[in-house]
Amino acid sequence: VQLQAFGGGLVQPGGSLSLSCKASGNTFNIRDSSWYRQAPGKQRELVAEITSGGTTNYADSVKGRLTISRDNPMTTTYLQMNSLNAEDTAVYYCNVRTWVREYWGQGTLVTVSS
């Protein structure tokens, strides 16, 4: 499975941004999809995940502001980000898991700054 992320960029505090992650290859085995992020000097952290059954989970710091979703073939995962603040500045990585392993996208930079 290959993953390609889109949508990063510069946004002002309080603004919105939408990320997408398109999977290609043997996508029929994809189960769960997630977004992680890594801020400068910090460890990579889970931001949001969506299971094969559609259950979503979020980090406490983003609840109510970020929304993860996925299209029906489960080939594209989205992350809608609202009310962004400086603490959301990070490289965002998409991740998918199959029955045997996980895959990572290349990362897309989100910078929240005035």
N, C-alpha and C. Protein backbone atom coordinates (compact mmCIF):
# COMPACT_ATOMS: atom_id res chain seq x y z
N VAL A 1 0.85 -1.19 0.00
CA VAL A 1 0.00 0.00 0.00
C VAL A 1 0.89 1.25 0.00
N GLN A 2 0.57 2.19 -0.86
CA GLN A 2 1.27 3.47 -0.89
C GLN A 2 0.30 4.56 -0.45
N LEU A 3 0.80 5.49 0.34
CA LEU A 3 -0.02 6.58 0.86
C LEU A 3 0.56 7.92 0.43
N GLN A 4 -0.31 8.82 0.00
CA GLN A 4 0.11 10.15 -0.37
C GLN A 4 -0.80 11.16 0.31
N ALA A 5 -0.20 12.05 1.08
CA ALA A 5 -0.96 13.04 1.83
C ALA A 5 -0.96 14.38 1.10
N PHE A 6 -2.08 15.09 1.24
CA PHE A 6 -2.25 16.39 0.61
C PHE A 6 -2.87 17.36 1.61
N GLY A 7 -2.64 18.65 1.38
CA GLY A 7 -3.44 19.65 2.07
C GLY A 7 -2.75 20.46 3.13
N GLY A 8 -1.51 20.20 3.44
CA GLY A 8 -0.83 20.99 4.44
C GLY A 8 -0.58 22.41 3.95
N GLY A 9 -0.18 23.26 4.89
CA GLY A 9 0.11 24.64 4.52
C GLY A 9 0.10 25.55 5.72
N LEU A 10 0.07 26.84 5.42
CA LEU A 10 0.07 27.87 6.46
C LEU A 10 -1.35 28.37 6.69
N VAL A 11 -1.74 28.45 7.94
CA VAL A 11 -3.08 28.93 8.28
C VAL A 11 -2.98 29.80 9.52
N GLN A 12 -3.84 30.79 9.61
CA GLN A 12 -3.83 31.69 10.77
C GLN A 12 -4.52 31.03 11.96
N PRO A 13 -4.16 31.43 13.15
CA PRO A 13 -4.86 30.91 14.34
C PRO A 13 -6.36 31.12 14.23
N GLY A 14 -7.11 30.08 14.59
CA GLY A 14 -8.55 30.13 14.46
C GLY A 14 -9.06 29.67 13.11
N GLY A 15 -8.15 29.44 12.19
CA GLY A 15 -8.54 29.04 10.84
C GLY A 15 -8.76 27.54 10.70
N SER A 16 -9.05 27.14 9.47
CA SER A 16 -9.35 25.74 9.17
C SER A 16 -8.46 25.24 8.04
N LEU A 17 -8.27 23.94 8.04
CA LEU A 17 -7.48 23.30 6.99
C LEU A 17 -7.98 21.87 6.86
N SER A 18 -7.93 21.35 5.65
CA SER A 18 -8.37 19.99 5.42
C SER A 18 -7.23 19.18 4.81
N LEU A 19 -6.95 18.04 5.40
CA LEU A 19 -5.93 17.14 4.88
C LEU A 19 -6.61 15.92 4.27
N SER A 20 -5.96 15.35 3.28
CA SER A 20 -6.44 14.10 2.72
C SER A 20 -5.27 13.17 2.50
N CYS A 21 -5.55 11.89 2.52
CA CYS A 21 -4.53 10.87 2.34
C CYS A 21 -5.09 9.79 1.43
N LYS A 22 -4.50 9.67 0.27
CA LYS A 22 -5.00 8.71 -0.72
C LYS A 22 -4.12 7.46 -0.73
N ALA A 23 -4.77 6.31 -0.61
CA ALA A 23 -4.07 5.04 -0.63
C ALA A 23 -4.17 4.41 -2.01
N SER A 24 -3.11 3.74 -2.42
CA SER A 24 -3.12 3.01 -3.68
C SER A 24 -2.41 1.68 -3.46
N GLY A 25 -2.59 0.77 -4.41
CA GLY A 25 -2.00 -0.56 -4.27
C GLY A 25 -3.04 -1.54 -3.75
N ASN A 26 -2.63 -2.42 -2.84
CA ASN A 26 -3.53 -3.44 -2.30
C ASN A 26 -4.41 -2.86 -1.19
N THR A 27 -5.30 -1.98 -1.58
CA THR A 27 -6.11 -1.26 -0.60
C THR A 27 -7.24 -2.09 -0.03
N PHE A 28 -7.56 -3.22 -0.62
CA PHE A 28 -8.70 -4.01 -0.17
C PHE A 28 -8.47 -4.59 1.21
N ASN A 29 -7.20 -4.63 1.67
CA ASN A 29 -6.90 -5.17 2.99
C ASN A 29 -6.87 -4.11 4.10
N ILE A 30 -7.11 -2.86 3.74
CA ILE A 30 -7.03 -1.80 4.74
C ILE A 30 -8.14 -1.95 5.78
N ARG A 31 -7.76 -1.85 7.04
CA ARG A 31 -8.73 -1.90 8.13
C ARG A 31 -8.92 -0.53 8.76
N ASP A 32 -7.94 -0.11 9.52
CA ASP A 32 -8.04 1.15 10.25
C ASP A 32 -7.16 2.21 9.60
N SER A 33 -7.59 3.46 9.73
CA SER A 33 -6.82 4.59 9.21
C SER A 33 -6.64 5.61 10.31
N SER A 34 -5.50 6.27 10.31
CA SER A 34 -5.20 7.22 11.38
C SER A 34 -4.43 8.41 10.84
N TRP A 35 -4.45 9.46 11.62
CA TRP A 35 -3.56 10.61 11.41
C TRP A 35 -2.73 10.77 12.68
N TYR A 36 -1.44 10.92 12.49
CA TYR A 36 -0.50 11.23 13.56
C TYR A 36 0.12 12.60 13.25
N ARG A 37 0.76 13.16 14.24
CA ARG A 37 1.51 14.38 14.00
C ARG A 37 2.76 14.40 14.87
N GLN A 38 3.74 15.13 14.39
CA GLN A 38 4.98 15.29 15.14
C GLN A 38 5.40 16.75 15.09
N ALA A 39 5.35 17.39 16.24
CA ALA A 39 5.77 18.78 16.36
C ALA A 39 7.28 18.83 16.58
N PRO A 40 7.90 19.97 16.28
CA PRO A 40 9.35 20.08 16.47
C PRO A 40 9.77 19.76 17.90
N GLY A 41 10.72 18.86 18.05
CA GLY A 41 11.23 18.50 19.36
C GLY A 41 10.35 17.58 20.16
N LYS A 42 9.27 17.08 19.56
CA LYS A 42 8.35 16.22 20.29
C LYS A 42 8.21 14.87 19.59
N GLN A 43 7.68 13.92 20.32
CA GLN A 43 7.45 12.61 19.74
C GLN A 43 6.19 12.61 18.88
N ARG A 44 6.16 11.69 17.96
CA ARG A 44 4.97 11.54 17.13
C ARG A 44 3.80 11.08 18.00
N GLU A 45 2.63 11.67 17.78
CA GLU A 45 1.47 11.34 18.58
C GLU A 45 0.26 11.05 17.70
N LEU A 46 -0.60 10.20 18.20
CA LEU A 46 -1.85 9.90 17.50
C LEU A 46 -2.81 11.07 17.64
N VAL A 47 -3.35 11.52 16.54
CA VAL A 47 -4.31 12.61 16.54
C VAL A 47 -5.73 12.08 16.45
N ALA A 48 -5.97 11.19 15.47
CA ALA A 48 -7.31 10.67 15.27
C ALA A 48 -7.22 9.36 14.52
N GLU A 49 -8.18 8.50 14.77
CA GLU A 49 -8.23 7.23 14.05
C GLU A 49 -9.67 6.87 13.74
N ILE A 50 -9.83 6.07 12.70
CA ILE A 50 -11.15 5.57 12.32
C ILE A 50 -10.98 4.08 12.01
N THR A 51 -11.81 3.28 12.63
CA THR A 51 -11.70 1.83 12.46
C THR A 51 -12.47 1.36 11.23
N SER A 52 -12.28 0.10 10.90
CA SER A 52 -12.99 -0.47 9.76
C SER A 52 -14.51 -0.41 9.96
N GLY A 53 -14.94 -0.39 11.21
CA GLY A 53 -16.36 -0.30 11.50
C GLY A 53 -16.87 1.12 11.59
N GLY A 54 -15.99 2.08 11.41
CA GLY A 54 -16.42 3.48 11.41
C GLY A 54 -16.29 4.18 12.76
N THR A 55 -15.81 3.48 13.77
CA THR A 55 -15.61 4.11 15.08
C THR A 55 -14.43 5.08 15.02
N THR A 56 -14.62 6.25 15.60
CA THR A 56 -13.55 7.25 15.61
C THR A 56 -13.05 7.51 17.03
N ASN A 57 -11.78 7.83 17.12
CA ASN A 57 -11.16 8.17 18.39
C ASN A 57 -10.24 9.37 18.17
N TYR A 58 -10.18 10.24 19.16
CA TYR A 58 -9.39 11.46 19.03
C TYR A 58 -8.52 11.68 20.26
N ALA A 59 -7.40 12.33 20.04
CA ALA A 59 -6.60 12.81 21.16
C ALA A 59 -7.40 13.89 21.89
N ASP A 60 -7.25 13.96 23.19
CA ASP A 60 -8.01 14.94 23.97
C ASP A 60 -7.78 16.36 23.47
N SER A 61 -6.58 16.64 23.03
CA SER A 61 -6.23 18.01 22.62
C SER A 61 -6.93 18.46 21.36
N VAL A 62 -7.52 17.54 20.60
CA VAL A 62 -8.15 17.93 19.33
C VAL A 62 -9.64 17.65 19.30
N LYS A 63 -10.17 17.05 20.35
CA LYS A 63 -11.59 16.71 20.37
C LYS A 63 -12.44 17.96 20.17
N GLY A 64 -13.43 17.85 19.29
CA GLY A 64 -14.31 18.96 19.01
C GLY A 64 -13.79 19.91 17.96
N ARG A 65 -12.53 19.77 17.56
CA ARG A 65 -11.95 20.66 16.56
C ARG A 65 -11.54 19.91 15.29
N LEU A 66 -11.10 18.69 15.42
CA LEU A 66 -10.66 17.91 14.27
C LEU A 66 -11.62 16.75 14.05
N THR A 67 -11.85 16.44 12.79
CA THR A 67 -12.76 15.36 12.43
C THR A 67 -12.11 14.47 11.38
N ILE A 68 -12.05 13.18 11.67
CA ILE A 68 -11.51 12.22 10.71
C ILE A 68 -12.67 11.53 10.00
N SER A 69 -12.49 11.29 8.71
CA SER A 69 -13.51 10.58 7.95
C SER A 69 -12.82 9.80 6.84
N ARG A 70 -13.59 8.97 6.19
CA ARG A 70 -12.99 8.12 5.15
C ARG A 70 -14.05 7.82 4.11
N ASP A 71 -13.63 7.68 2.84
CA ASP A 71 -14.61 7.38 1.80
C ASP A 71 -14.97 5.90 1.84
N ASN A 72 -16.00 5.52 1.11
CA ASN A 72 -16.54 4.17 1.21
C ASN A 72 -15.56 3.08 0.79
N PRO A 73 -14.78 3.25 -0.24
CA PRO A 73 -13.79 2.20 -0.54
C PRO A 73 -12.64 2.17 0.44
N MET A 74 -12.65 3.09 1.41
CA MET A 74 -11.58 3.20 2.41
C MET A 74 -10.23 3.46 1.77
N THR A 75 -10.24 4.19 0.64
CA THR A 75 -8.96 4.49 0.00
C THR A 75 -8.49 5.91 0.29
N THR A 76 -9.38 6.76 0.74
CA THR A 76 -8.99 8.14 1.05
C THR A 76 -9.47 8.49 2.45
N THR A 77 -8.55 8.96 3.26
CA THR A 77 -8.85 9.38 4.62
C THR A 77 -8.70 10.88 4.71
N TYR A 78 -9.63 11.53 5.39
CA TYR A 78 -9.63 12.97 5.50
C TYR A 78 -9.45 13.39 6.97
N LEU A 79 -8.91 14.59 7.13
CA LEU A 79 -8.84 15.19 8.45
C LEU A 79 -9.23 16.65 8.31
N GLN A 80 -10.43 16.97 8.78
CA GLN A 80 -10.89 18.35 8.79
C GLN A 80 -10.46 18.99 10.09
N MET A 81 -9.73 20.09 9.99
CA MET A 81 -9.18 20.74 11.17
C MET A 81 -9.74 22.15 11.28
N ASN A 82 -10.42 22.42 12.38
CA ASN A 82 -11.02 23.73 12.64
C ASN A 82 -10.44 24.33 13.91
N SER A 83 -10.61 25.62 14.06
CA SER A 83 -10.16 26.33 15.26
C SER A 83 -8.70 26.00 15.59
N LEU A 84 -7.88 26.08 14.58
CA LEU A 84 -6.48 25.71 14.75
C LEU A 84 -5.74 26.73 15.62
N ASN A 85 -4.77 26.24 16.37
CA ASN A 85 -3.92 27.11 17.17
C ASN A 85 -2.46 26.71 16.98
N ALA A 86 -1.58 27.48 17.56
CA ALA A 86 -0.14 27.28 17.33
C ALA A 86 0.31 25.88 17.76
N GLU A 87 -0.36 25.32 18.76
CA GLU A 87 0.02 23.98 19.23
C GLU A 87 -0.29 22.88 18.21
N ASP A 88 -1.06 23.21 17.19
CA ASP A 88 -1.37 22.25 16.14
C ASP A 88 -0.29 22.21 15.06
N THR A 89 0.66 23.12 15.14
CA THR A 89 1.75 23.14 14.16
C THR A 89 2.57 21.86 14.26
N ALA A 90 2.68 21.14 13.15
CA ALA A 90 3.37 19.85 13.15
C ALA A 90 3.40 19.30 11.74
N VAL A 91 4.18 18.25 11.57
CA VAL A 91 4.08 17.45 10.36
C VAL A 91 3.04 16.37 10.63
N TYR A 92 2.06 16.29 9.76
CA TYR A 92 0.97 15.33 9.92
C TYR A 92 1.21 14.13 9.00
N TYR A 93 1.08 12.95 9.57
CA TYR A 93 1.31 11.71 8.85
C TYR A 93 0.03 10.87 8.83
N CYS A 94 -0.28 10.32 7.67
CA CYS A 94 -1.38 9.38 7.63
C CYS A 94 -0.82 7.96 7.78
N ASN A 95 -1.65 7.11 8.29
CA ASN A 95 -1.27 5.73 8.62
C ASN A 95 -2.46 4.83 8.35
N VAL A 96 -2.21 3.69 7.74
CA VAL A 96 -3.27 2.69 7.59
C VAL A 96 -2.73 1.34 8.07
N ARG A 97 -3.65 0.54 8.54
CA ARG A 97 -3.27 -0.79 9.02
C ARG A 97 -4.07 -1.85 8.29
N THR A 98 -3.37 -2.89 7.86
CA THR A 98 -4.02 -4.06 7.29
C THR A 98 -3.97 -5.17 8.33
N TRP A 99 -4.28 -6.36 7.93
CA TRP A 99 -4.25 -7.48 8.88
C TRP A 99 -2.82 -7.87 9.26
N VAL A 100 -1.84 -7.44 8.46
CA VAL A 100 -0.49 -7.92 8.72
C VAL A 100 0.53 -6.82 9.04
N ARG A 101 0.25 -5.59 8.66
CA ARG A 101 1.22 -4.53 8.91
C ARG A 101 0.57 -3.18 8.78
N GLU A 102 1.37 -2.13 9.06
CA GLU A 102 0.90 -0.78 8.89
C GLU A 102 1.77 -0.05 7.86
N TYR A 103 1.21 1.02 7.31
CA TYR A 103 1.89 1.80 6.30
C TYR A 103 1.80 3.28 6.68
N TRP A 104 2.83 4.04 6.27
CA TRP A 104 2.89 5.46 6.58
C TRP A 104 2.99 6.28 5.32
N GLY A 105 2.34 7.44 5.33
CA GLY A 105 2.52 8.41 4.27
C GLY A 105 3.75 9.26 4.53
N GLN A 106 4.03 10.18 3.61
CA GLN A 106 5.27 10.94 3.67
C GLN A 106 5.20 12.13 4.61
N GLY A 107 4.04 12.51 5.08
CA GLY A 107 3.92 13.64 5.98
C GLY A 107 3.64 14.92 5.22
N THR A 108 2.83 15.77 5.84
CA THR A 108 2.53 17.07 5.27
C THR A 108 2.57 18.09 6.40
N LEU A 109 3.23 19.22 6.14
CA LEU A 109 3.46 20.21 7.19
C LEU A 109 2.27 21.15 7.33
N VAL A 110 1.83 21.30 8.55
CA VAL A 110 0.79 22.28 8.89
C VAL A 110 1.41 23.30 9.83
N THR A 111 1.34 24.57 9.44
CA THR A 111 1.89 25.64 10.26
C THR A 111 0.77 26.62 10.60
N VAL A 112 0.56 26.81 11.88
CA VAL A 112 -0.46 27.73 12.35
C VAL A 112 0.25 28.96 12.91
N SER A 113 0.11 30.05 12.20
CA SER A 113 0.84 31.25 12.58
C SER A 113 0.18 32.47 11.98
N SER A 114 0.28 33.59 12.68
CA SER A 114 -0.24 34.84 12.14
C SER A 114 0.85 35.60 11.40
